[in-house]
PDB file of N, CA and C in Angstrom:
ATOM      1  N   MET A   1       1.318  -3.110   0.669  1.00  0.00           N
ATOM      2  CA  MET A   1       1.383  -2.477  -0.639  1.00  0.00           C
ATOM      3  C   MET A   1       1.370  -3.510  -1.721  1.00  0.00           C
ATOM      4  N   GLN A   2       0.386  -3.486  -2.571  1.00  0.00           N
ATOM      5  CA  GLN A   2       0.288  -4.438  -3.645  1.00  0.00           C
ATOM      6  C   GLN A   2       1.102  -3.897  -4.821  1.00  0.00           C
ATOM      7  N   LYS A   3       1.900  -4.790  -5.386  1.00  0.00           N
ATOM      8  CA  LYS A   3       2.772  -4.440  -6.491  1.00  0.00           C
ATOM      9  C   LYS A   3       2.014  -4.657  -7.787  1.00  0.00           C
ATOM     10  N   THR A   4       2.616  -4.216  -8.875  1.00  0.00           N
ATOM     11  CA  THR A   4       1.973  -4.397 -10.164  1.00  0.00           C
ATOM     12  C   THR A   4       2.233  -5.839 -10.678  1.00  0.00           C
ATOM     13  N   ILE A   5       1.197  -6.590 -10.755  1.00  0.00           N
ATOM     14  CA  ILE A   5       1.298  -7.930 -11.264  1.00  0.00           C
ATOM     15  C   ILE A   5       0.257  -8.167 -12.324  1.00  0.00           C
ATOM     16  N   PRO A   6       0.485  -9.103 -13.228  1.00  0.00           N
ATOM     17  CA  PRO A   6      -0.516  -9.372 -14.262  1.00  0.00           C
ATOM     18  C   PRO A   6      -1.857  -9.826 -13.693  1.00  0.00           C
ATOM     19  N   ALA A   7      -2.931  -9.460 -14.368  1.00  0.00           N
ATOM     20  CA  ALA A   7      -4.264  -9.769 -13.862  1.00  0.00           C
ATOM     21  C   ALA A   7      -4.478 -11.231 -13.603  1.00  0.00           C
ATOM     22  N   HIS A   8      -3.866 -12.123 -14.356  1.00  0.00           N
ATOM     23  CA  HIS A   8      -4.099 -13.572 -14.175  1.00  0.00           C
ATOM     24  C   HIS A   8      -3.346 -14.136 -12.922  1.00  0.00           C
ATOM     25  N   LEU A   9      -2.511 -13.304 -12.321  1.00  0.00           N
ATOM     26  CA  LEU A   9      -1.858 -13.724 -11.074  1.00  0.00           C
ATOM     27  C   LEU A   9      -2.354 -13.007  -9.846  1.00  0.00           C
ATOM     28  N   THR A  10      -3.355 -12.114 -10.036  1.00  0.00           N
ATOM     29  CA  THR A  10      -3.863 -11.334  -8.888  1.00  0.00           C
ATOM     30  C   THR A  10      -4.451 -12.218  -7.787  1.00  0.00           C
ATOM     31  N   SER A  11      -5.204 -13.239  -8.217  1.00  0.00           N
ATOM     32  CA  SER A  11      -5.873 -14.096  -7.196  1.00  0.00           C
ATOM     33  C   SER A  11      -4.822 -14.878  -6.394  1.00  0.00           C
ATOM     34  N   THR A  12      -3.750 -15.308  -7.074  1.00  0.00           N
ATOM     35  CA  THR A  12      -2.690 -16.022  -6.381  1.00  0.00           C
ATOM     36  C   THR A  12      -1.947 -15.108  -5.427  1.00  0.00           C
ATOM     37  N   TYR A  13      -1.673 -13.899  -5.884  1.00  0.00           N
ATOM     38  CA  TYR A  13      -1.000 -12.890  -5.021  1.00  0.00           C
ATOM     39  C   TYR A  13      -1.836 -12.648  -3.760  1.00  0.00           C
ATOM     40  N   LYS A  14      -3.106 -12.447  -3.956  1.00  0.00           N
ATOM     41  CA  LYS A  14      -3.997 -12.215  -2.807  1.00  0.00           C
ATOM     42  C   LYS A  14      -4.069 -13.408  -1.877  1.00  0.00           C
ATOM     43  N   LEU A  15      -4.067 -14.597  -2.435  1.00  0.00           N
ATOM     44  CA  LEU A  15      -4.063 -15.838  -1.616  1.00  0.00           C
ATOM     45  C   LEU A  15      -2.818 -15.860  -0.732  1.00  0.00           C
ATOM     46  N   ILE A  16      -1.657 -15.634  -1.329  1.00  0.00           N
ATOM     47  CA  ILE A  16      -0.400 -15.643  -0.589  1.00  0.00           C
ATOM     48  C   ILE A  16      -0.398 -14.521   0.452  1.00  0.00           C
ATOM     49  N   GLN A  17      -0.848 -13.375   0.037  1.00  0.00           N
ATOM     50  CA  GLN A  17      -0.850 -12.218   0.958  1.00  0.00           C
ATOM     51  C   GLN A  17      -1.766 -12.484   2.150  1.00  0.00           C
ATOM     52  N   CYS A  18      -2.910 -13.115   1.923  1.00  0.00           N
ATOM     53  CA  CYS A  18      -3.830 -13.438   3.012  1.00  0.00           C
ATOM     54  C   CYS A  18      -3.215 -14.512   3.938  1.00  0.00           C
ATOM     55  N   ALA A  19      -2.646 -15.547   3.349  1.00  0.00           N
ATOM     56  CA  ALA A  19      -2.099 -16.627   4.176  1.00  0.00           C
ATOM     57  C   ALA A  19      -0.805 -16.238   4.908  1.00  0.00           C
ATOM     58  N   PHE A  20      -0.043 -15.301   4.306  1.00  0.00           N
ATOM     59  CA  PHE A  20       1.244 -14.912   4.924  1.00  0.00           C
ATOM     60  C   PHE A  20       1.358 -13.374   4.978  1.00  0.00           C
ATOM     61  N   PRO A  21       0.526 -12.764   5.788  1.00  0.00           N
ATOM     62  CA  PRO A  21       0.485 -11.277   5.831  1.00  0.00           C
ATOM     63  C   PRO A  21       1.776 -10.667   6.313  1.00  0.00           C
ATOM     64  N   GLN A  22       2.553 -11.448   7.113  1.00  0.00           N
ATOM     65  CA  GLN A  22       3.833 -10.942   7.648  1.00  0.00           C
ATOM     66  C   GLN A  22       5.015 -11.399   6.789  1.00  0.00           C
ATOM     67  N   GLY A  23       4.733 -11.993   5.641  1.00  0.00           N
ATOM     68  CA  GLY A  23       5.813 -12.528   4.809  1.00  0.00           C
ATOM     69  C   GLY A  23       5.904 -14.060   4.961  1.00  0.00           C
ATOM     70  N   ILE A  24       6.650 -14.669   4.069  1.00  0.00           N
ATOM     71  CA  ILE A  24       6.828 -16.134   4.096  1.00  0.00           C
ATOM     72  C   ILE A  24       8.160 -16.454   4.738  1.00  0.00           C
ATOM     73  N   ASP A  25       8.131 -17.117   5.903  1.00  0.00           N
ATOM     74  CA  ASP A  25       9.399 -17.446   6.546  1.00  0.00           C
ATOM     75  C   ASP A  25      10.037 -18.642   5.814  1.00  0.00           C
ATOM     76  N   ASP A  26      11.334 -18.812   6.092  1.00  0.00           N
ATOM     77  CA  ASP A  26      12.145 -19.814   5.365  1.00  0.00           C
ATOM     78  C   ASP A  26      11.596 -21.224   5.514  1.00  0.00           C
ATOM     79  N   GLN A  27      11.038 -21.513   6.702  1.00  0.00           N
ATOM     80  CA  GLN A  27      10.527 -22.888   6.929  1.00  0.00           C
ATOM     81  C   GLN A  27       9.299 -23.169   6.025  1.00  0.00           C
ATOM     82  N   LYS A  28       8.523 -22.168   5.654  1.00  0.00           N
ATOM     83  CA  LYS A  28       7.328 -22.399   4.864  1.00  0.00           C
ATOM     84  C   LYS A  28       7.499 -22.041   3.420  1.00  0.00           C
ATOM     85  N   TYR A  29       8.588 -21.418   3.033  1.00  0.00           N
ATOM     86  CA  TYR A  29       8.784 -20.950   1.674  1.00  0.00           C
ATOM     87  C   TYR A  29       8.765 -22.078   0.633  1.00  0.00           C
ATOM     88  N   LEU A  30       9.631 -23.042   0.778  1.00  0.00           N
ATOM     89  CA  LEU A  30       9.694 -24.185  -0.172  1.00  0.00           C
ATOM     90  C   LEU A  30       8.421 -25.051  -0.113  1.00  0.00           C
ATOM     91  N   PRO A  31       7.892 -25.349   1.084  1.00  0.00           N
ATOM     92  CA  PRO A  31       6.610 -26.082   1.088  1.00  0.00           C
ATOM     93  C   PRO A  31       5.498 -25.319   0.372  1.00  0.00           C
ATOM     94  N   LEU A  32       5.422 -24.029   0.489  1.00  0.00           N
ATOM     95  CA  LEU A  32       4.394 -23.218  -0.228  1.00  0.00           C
ATOM     96  C   LEU A  32       4.623 -23.385  -1.704  1.00  0.00           C
ATOM     97  N   LEU A  33       5.862 -23.230  -2.169  1.00  0.00           N
ATOM     98  CA  LEU A  33       6.108 -23.401  -3.598  1.00  0.00           C
ATOM     99  C   LEU A  33       5.654 -24.801  -4.064  1.00  0.00           C
ATOM    100  N   SER A  34       5.931 -25.777  -3.239  1.00  0.00           N
ATOM    101  CA  SER A  34       5.566 -27.165  -3.591  1.00  0.00           C
ATOM    102  C   SER A  34       4.058 -27.357  -3.718  1.00  0.00           C
ATOM    103  N   ILE A  35       3.330 -26.720  -2.846  1.00  0.00           N
ATOM    104  CA  ILE A  35       1.846 -26.848  -2.873  1.00  0.00           C
ATOM    105  C   ILE A  35       1.303 -26.151  -4.146  1.00  0.00           C
ATOM    106  N   LEU A  36       1.753 -24.905  -4.383  1.00  0.00           N
ATOM    107  CA  LEU A  36       1.242 -24.136  -5.498  1.00  0.00           C
ATOM    108  C   LEU A  36       1.762 -24.690  -6.834  1.00  0.00           C
ATOM    109  N   TYR A  37       2.915 -25.343  -6.835  1.00  0.00           N
ATOM    110  CA  TYR A  37       3.549 -25.858  -8.011  1.00  0.00           C
ATOM    111  C   TYR A  37       2.624 -26.816  -8.805  1.00  0.00           C
ATOM    112  N   LYS A  38       1.818 -27.558  -8.075  1.00  0.00           N
ATOM    113  CA  LYS A  38       0.948 -28.526  -8.720  1.00  0.00           C
ATOM    114  C   LYS A  38      -0.119 -27.881  -9.598  1.00  0.00           C
ATOM    115  N   ASN A  39      -0.396 -26.594  -9.372  1.00  0.00           N
ATOM    116  CA  ASN A  39      -1.521 -25.945 -10.088  1.00  0.00           C
ATOM    117  C   ASN A  39      -1.153 -24.747 -10.887  1.00  0.00           C
ATOM    118  N   MET A  40       0.168 -24.489 -11.029  1.00  0.00           N
ATOM    119  CA  MET A  40       0.644 -23.286 -11.721  1.00  0.00           C
ATOM    120  C   MET A  40       1.803 -23.643 -12.655  1.00  0.00           C
ATOM    121  N   SER A  41       2.006 -22.800 -13.635  1.00  0.00           N
ATOM    122  CA  SER A  41       3.244 -22.952 -14.459  1.00  0.00           C
ATOM    123  C   SER A  41       4.419 -22.491 -13.652  1.00  0.00           C
ATOM    124  N   ASP A  42       5.560 -23.016 -13.950  1.00  0.00           N
ATOM    125  CA  ASP A  42       6.808 -22.636 -13.255  1.00  0.00           C
ATOM    126  C   ASP A  42       7.006 -21.120 -13.240  1.00  0.00           C
ATOM    127  N   ARG A  43       6.882 -20.532 -14.388  1.00  0.00           N
ATOM    128  CA  ARG A  43       7.201 -19.111 -14.499  1.00  0.00           C
ATOM    129  C   ARG A  43       6.143 -18.234 -13.819  1.00  0.00           C
ATOM    130  N   SER A  44       4.892 -18.572 -13.913  1.00  0.00           N
ATOM    131  CA  SER A  44       3.860 -17.818 -13.190  1.00  0.00           C
ATOM    132  C   SER A  44       4.040 -17.913 -11.698  1.00  0.00           C
ATOM    133  N   LEU A  45       4.348 -19.072 -11.203  1.00  0.00           N
ATOM    134  CA  LEU A  45       4.577 -19.250  -9.800  1.00  0.00           C
ATOM    135  C   LEU A  45       5.787 -18.412  -9.343  1.00  0.00           C
ATOM    136  N   ALA A  46       6.862 -18.493 -10.115  1.00  0.00           N
ATOM    137  CA  ALA A  46       8.046 -17.732  -9.768  1.00  0.00           C
ATOM    138  C   ALA A  46       7.761 -16.227  -9.789  1.00  0.00           C
ATOM    139  N   GLN A  47       7.002 -15.806 -10.787  1.00  0.00           N
ATOM    140  CA  GLN A  47       6.672 -14.380 -10.897  1.00  0.00           C
ATOM    141  C   GLN A  47       5.884 -13.838  -9.725  1.00  0.00           C
ATOM    142  N   VAL A  48       4.817 -14.545  -9.345  1.00  0.00           N
ATOM    143  CA  VAL A  48       3.990 -14.054  -8.248  1.00  0.00           C
ATOM    144  C   VAL A  48       4.707 -14.141  -6.902  1.00  0.00           C
ATOM    145  N   VAL A  49       5.475 -15.180  -6.683  1.00  0.00           N
ATOM    146  CA  VAL A  49       6.215 -15.241  -5.420  1.00  0.00           C
ATOM    147  C   VAL A  49       7.382 -14.221  -5.334  1.00  0.00           C
ATOM    148  N   ALA A  50       7.994 -14.003  -6.482  1.00  0.00           N
ATOM    149  CA  ALA A  50       9.049 -12.992  -6.504  1.00  0.00           C
ATOM    150  C   ALA A  50       8.464 -11.595  -6.257  1.00  0.00           C
ATOM    151  N   GLU A  51       7.313 -11.337  -6.830  1.00  0.00           N
ATOM    152  CA  GLU A  51       6.643 -10.049  -6.573  1.00  0.00           C
ATOM    153  C   GLU A  51       6.287  -9.917  -5.083  1.00  0.00           C
ATOM    154  N   TYR A  52       5.727 -10.982  -4.492  1.00  0.00           N
ATOM    155  CA  TYR A  52       5.309 -10.872  -3.110  1.00  0.00           C
ATOM    156  C   TYR A  52       6.475 -10.757  -2.149  1.00  0.00           C
ATOM    157  N   THR A  53       7.516 -11.567  -2.374  1.00  0.00           N
ATOM    158  CA  THR A  53       8.632 -11.603  -1.451  1.00  0.00           C
ATOM    159  C   THR A  53       9.691 -10.544  -1.688  1.00  0.00           C
ATOM    160  N   GLY A  54       9.705  -9.999  -2.941  1.00  0.00           N
ATOM    161  CA  GLY A  54      10.750  -9.045  -3.274  1.00  0.00           C
ATOM    162  C   GLY A  54      12.058  -9.728  -3.660  1.00  0.00           C
ATOM    163  N   LYS A  55      11.998 -11.058  -3.789  1.00  0.00           N
ATOM    164  CA  LYS A  55      13.207 -11.823  -4.184  1.00  0.00           C
ATOM    165  C   LYS A  55      13.359 -11.711  -5.694  1.00  0.00           C
ATOM    166  N   ASN A  56      14.566 -11.982  -6.126  1.00  0.00           N
ATOM    167  CA  ASN A  56      14.893 -11.955  -7.551  1.00  0.00           C
ATOM    168  C   ASN A  56      14.121 -13.089  -8.247  1.00  0.00           C
ATOM    169  N   TYR A  57      13.481 -12.754  -9.342  1.00  0.00           N
ATOM    170  CA  TYR A  57      12.678 -13.711 -10.116  1.00  0.00           C
ATOM    171  C   TYR A  57      13.439 -14.983 -10.441  1.00  0.00           C
ATOM    172  N   TYR A  58      14.694 -14.853 -10.893  1.00  0.00           N
ATOM    173  CA  TYR A  58      15.454 -16.008 -11.311  1.00  0.00           C
ATOM    174  C   TYR A  58      15.840 -16.893 -10.131  1.00  0.00           C
ATOM    175  N   PHE A  59      16.062 -16.342  -8.966  1.00  0.00           N
ATOM    176  CA  PHE A  59      16.320 -17.145  -7.795  1.00  0.00           C
ATOM    177  C   PHE A  59      15.061 -17.948  -7.414  1.00  0.00           C
ATOM    178  N   VAL A  60      13.918 -17.258  -7.467  1.00  0.00           N
ATOM    179  CA  VAL A  60      12.668 -17.970  -7.186  1.00  0.00           C
ATOM    180  C   VAL A  60      12.368 -19.053  -8.191  1.00  0.00           C
ATOM    181  N   LEU A  61      12.633 -18.756  -9.497  1.00  0.00           N
ATOM    182  CA  LEU A  61      12.406 -19.749 -10.536  1.00  0.00           C
ATOM    183  C   LEU A  61      13.293 -20.964 -10.287  1.00  0.00           C
ATOM    184  N   ASN A  62      14.505 -20.776  -9.889  1.00  0.00           N
ATOM    185  CA  ASN A  62      15.359 -21.961  -9.552  1.00  0.00           C
ATOM    186  C   ASN A  62      14.810 -22.745  -8.367  1.00  0.00           C
ATOM    187  N   ASP A  63      14.236 -22.029  -7.374  1.00  0.00           N
ATOM    188  CA  ASP A  63      13.587 -22.691  -6.244  1.00  0.00           C
ATOM    189  C   ASP A  63      12.365 -23.488  -6.734  1.00  0.00           C
ATOM    190  N   VAL A  64      11.647 -22.905  -7.673  1.00  0.00           N
ATOM    191  CA  VAL A  64      10.457 -23.612  -8.214  1.00  0.00           C
ATOM    192  C   VAL A  64      10.896 -24.883  -8.920  1.00  0.00           C
ATOM    193  N   TYR A  65      11.930 -24.778  -9.738  1.00  0.00           N
ATOM    194  CA  TYR A  65      12.461 -26.016 -10.404  1.00  0.00           C
ATOM    195  C   TYR A  65      12.879 -27.036  -9.375  1.00  0.00           C
ATOM    196  N   ARG A  66      13.480 -26.571  -8.305  1.00  0.00           N
ATOM    197  CA  ARG A  66      13.950 -27.470  -7.251  1.00  0.00           C
ATOM    198  C   ARG A  66      12.801 -28.205  -6.573  1.00  0.00           C
ATOM    199  N   VAL A  67      11.727 -27.504  -6.223  1.00  0.00           N
ATOM    200  CA  VAL A  67      10.632 -28.157  -5.533  1.00  0.00           C
ATOM    201  C   VAL A  67       9.914 -29.135  -6.440  1.00  0.00           C
ATOM    202  N   GLY A  68      10.060 -28.937  -7.743  1.00  0.00           N
ATOM    203  CA  GLY A  68       9.403 -29.891  -8.702  1.00  0.00           C
ATOM    204  C   GLY A  68       9.912 -31.258  -8.523  1.00  0.00           C
ATOM    205  N   SER A  69      11.123 -31.424  -8.036  1.00  0.00           N
ATOM    206  CA  SER A  69      11.687 -32.746  -7.859  1.00  0.00           C
ATOM    207  C   SER A  69      11.839 -33.188  -6.429  1.00  0.00           C
ATOM    208  N   MET A  70      11.400 -32.327  -5.527  1.00  0.00           N
ATOM    209  CA  MET A  70      11.509 -32.667  -4.095  1.00  0.00           C
ATOM    210  C   MET A  70      10.225 -33.262  -3.550  1.00  0.00           C
ATOM    211  N   THR A  71      10.361 -34.205  -2.647  1.00  0.00           N
ATOM    212  CA  THR A  71       9.193 -34.794  -2.008  1.00  0.00           C
ATOM    213  C   THR A  71       9.398 -34.966  -0.498  1.00  0.00           C
ATOM    214  N   ASN A  72      10.441 -34.405   0.026  1.00  0.00           N
ATOM    215  CA  ASN A  72      10.833 -34.720   1.391  1.00  0.00           C
ATOM    216  C   ASN A  72      10.452 -33.658   2.413  1.00  0.00           C
ATOM    217  N   PHE A  73       9.363 -32.931   2.195  1.00  0.00           N
ATOM    218  CA  PHE A  73       8.908 -31.973   3.183  1.00  0.00           C
ATOM    219  C   PHE A  73       8.155 -32.738   4.237  1.00  0.00           C
ATOM    220  N   SER A  74       8.268 -32.247   5.484  1.00  0.00           N
ATOM    221  CA  SER A  74       7.553 -32.928   6.550  1.00  0.00           C
ATOM    222  C   SER A  74       6.047 -32.671   6.369  1.00  0.00           C
ATOM    223  N   PHE A  75       5.258 -33.677   6.725  1.00  0.00           N
ATOM    224  CA  PHE A  75       3.817 -33.570   6.578  1.00  0.00           C
ATOM    225  C   PHE A  75       3.308 -32.466   7.481  1.00  0.00           C
ATOM    226  N   GLU A  76       3.948 -32.218   8.613  1.00  0.00           N
ATOM    227  CA  GLU A  76       3.501 -31.183   9.535  1.00  0.00           C
ATOM    228  C   GLU A  76       3.606 -29.808   8.898  1.00  0.00           C
ATOM    229  N   VAL A  77       4.736 -29.547   8.221  1.00  0.00           N
ATOM    230  CA  VAL A  77       4.925 -28.235   7.602  1.00  0.00           C
ATOM    231  C   VAL A  77       3.957 -28.049   6.401  1.00  0.00           C
ATOM    232  N   ILE A  78       3.851 -29.091   5.588  1.00  0.00           N
ATOM    233  CA  ILE A  78       2.942 -29.024   4.454  1.00  0.00           C
ATOM    234  C   ILE A  78       1.533 -28.767   4.933  1.00  0.00           C
ATOM    235  N   ASP A  79       1.102 -29.485   5.984  1.00  0.00           N
ATOM    236  CA  ASP A  79      -0.221 -29.323   6.568  1.00  0.00           C
ATOM    237  C   ASP A  79      -0.448 -27.942   7.115  1.00  0.00           C
ATOM    238  N   LEU A  80       0.562 -27.411   7.800  1.00  0.00           N
ATOM    239  CA  LEU A  80       0.477 -26.047   8.330  1.00  0.00           C
ATOM    240  C   LEU A  80       0.314 -25.023   7.257  1.00  0.00           C
ATOM    241  N   VAL A  81       1.060 -25.150   6.192  1.00  0.00           N
ATOM    242  CA  VAL A  81       0.943 -24.236   5.080  1.00  0.00           C
ATOM    243  C   VAL A  81      -0.421 -24.370   4.409  1.00  0.00           C
ATOM    244  N   LYS A  82      -0.874 -25.569   4.215  1.00  0.00           N
ATOM    245  CA  LYS A  82      -2.191 -25.799   3.594  1.00  0.00           C
ATOM    246  C   LYS A  82      -3.279 -25.196   4.474  1.00  0.00           C
ATOM    247  N   GLN A  83      -3.194 -25.321   5.757  1.00  0.00           N
ATOM    248  CA  GLN A  83      -4.189 -24.744   6.670  1.00  0.00           C
ATOM    249  C   GLN A  83      -4.238 -23.231   6.533  1.00  0.00           C
ATOM    250  N   LYS A  84      -3.078 -22.626   6.391  1.00  0.00           N
ATOM    251  CA  LYS A  84      -3.046 -21.161   6.174  1.00  0.00           C
ATOM    252  C   LYS A  84      -3.722 -20.791   4.869  1.00  0.00           C
ATOM    253  N   LEU A  85      -3.449 -21.573   3.818  1.00  0.00           N
ATOM    254  CA  LEU A  85      -4.079 -21.323   2.522  1.00  0.00           C
ATOM    255  C   LEU A  85      -5.564 -21.563   2.565  1.00  0.00           C
ATOM    256  N   MET A  86      -5.950 -22.655   3.238  1.00  0.00           N
ATOM    257  CA  MET A  86      -7.428 -22.965   3.343  1.00  0.00           C
ATOM    258  C   MET A  86      -8.178 -21.843   3.996  1.00  0.00           C
ATOM    259  N   SER A  87      -7.600 -21.182   5.003  1.00  0.00           N
ATOM    260  CA  SER A  87      -8.283 -20.106   5.679  1.00  0.00           C
ATOM    261  C   SER A  87      -8.416 -18.878   4.784  1.00  0.00           C
ATOM    262  N   CYS A  88      -7.783 -18.918   3.594  1.00  0.00           N
ATOM    263  CA  CYS A  88      -7.806 -17.819   2.664  1.00  0.00           C
ATOM    264  C   CYS A  88      -8.441 -18.220   1.329  1.00  0.00           C
ATOM    265  N   ASP A  89      -9.391 -19.097   1.395  1.00  0.00           N
ATOM    266  CA  ASP A  89     -10.134 -19.534   0.199  1.00  0.00           C
ATOM    267  C   ASP A  89      -9.275 -20.286  -0.813  1.00  0.00           C
ATOM    268  N   TYR A  90      -8.388 -21.120  -0.361  1.00  0.00           N
ATOM    269  CA  TYR A  90      -7.559 -21.976  -1.232  1.00  0.00           C
ATOM    270  C   TYR A  90      -8.403 -22.841  -2.178  1.00  0.00           C
ATOM    271  N   GLU A  91      -9.487 -23.409  -1.623  1.00  0.00           N
ATOM    272  CA  GLU A  91     -10.323 -24.289  -2.438  1.00  0.00           C
ATOM    273  C   GLU A  91     -10.982 -23.491  -3.577  1.00  0.00           C
ATOM    274  N   LYS A  92     -11.403 -22.270  -3.321  1.00  0.00           N
ATOM    275  CA  LYS A  92     -11.962 -21.413  -4.376  1.00  0.00           C
ATOM    276  C   LYS A  92     -10.863 -21.068  -5.407  1.00  0.00           C
ATOM    277  N   TRP A  93      -9.675 -20.779  -4.908  1.00  0.00           N
ATOM    278  CA  TRP A  93      -8.568 -20.485  -5.799  1.00  0.00           C
ATOM    279  C   TRP A  93      -8.280 -21.701  -6.738  1.00  0.00           C
ATOM    280  N   LEU A  94      -8.286 -22.885  -6.137  1.00  0.00           N
ATOM    281  CA  LEU A  94      -8.075 -24.095  -6.944  1.00  0.00           C
ATOM    282  C   LEU A  94      -9.124 -24.231  -8.053  1.00  0.00           C
ATOM    283  N   ALA A  95     -10.363 -23.995  -7.661  1.00  0.00           N
ATOM    284  CA  ALA A  95     -11.453 -24.089  -8.637  1.00  0.00           C
ATOM    285  C   ALA A  95     -11.338 -23.072  -9.746  1.00  0.00           C
ATOM    286  N   ASP A  96     -10.835 -21.896  -9.405  1.00  0.00           N
ATOM    287  CA  ASP A  96     -10.679 -20.816 -10.431  1.00  0.00           C
ATOM    288  C   ASP A  96      -9.494 -21.021 -11.319  1.00  0.00           C
ATOM    289  N   GLU A  97      -8.456 -21.718 -10.801  1.00  0.00           N
ATOM    290  CA  GLU A  97      -7.231 -21.913 -11.588  1.00  0.00           C
ATOM    291  C   GLU A  97      -7.510 -23.032 -12.600  1.00  0.00           C
TER     292      GLU A  97
END
C-alpha cells in the first residue's frame, strides 16, 4: 500500500519499496539512511523513510542526524544495501536527484 507522499519523494519511496519489499530490517536501516543521506536533505530523507516504515518522523529525523556523523558501518552491510538499491535503478535515481 503506497501512502500519500509529496511528488518529489515518490521516486525515493519507490526505490526503497523495490529494494526492501518486506521492510527495512534493523541491520540495514542505518546503513540505508547513510547511503541516501549523501543525496537528500535531512528532512526529505526522514519524511520518506518515516512514510515507508511507519516510524515517527521525529525519531527518523534524529536517526538521519545521527548517521550524518557516523562512519563506522561495516563495508559488507553498506555493500549489501547498495546492491539492493542498484537492482532497483539506484543509478537512475541518483541521476534524477
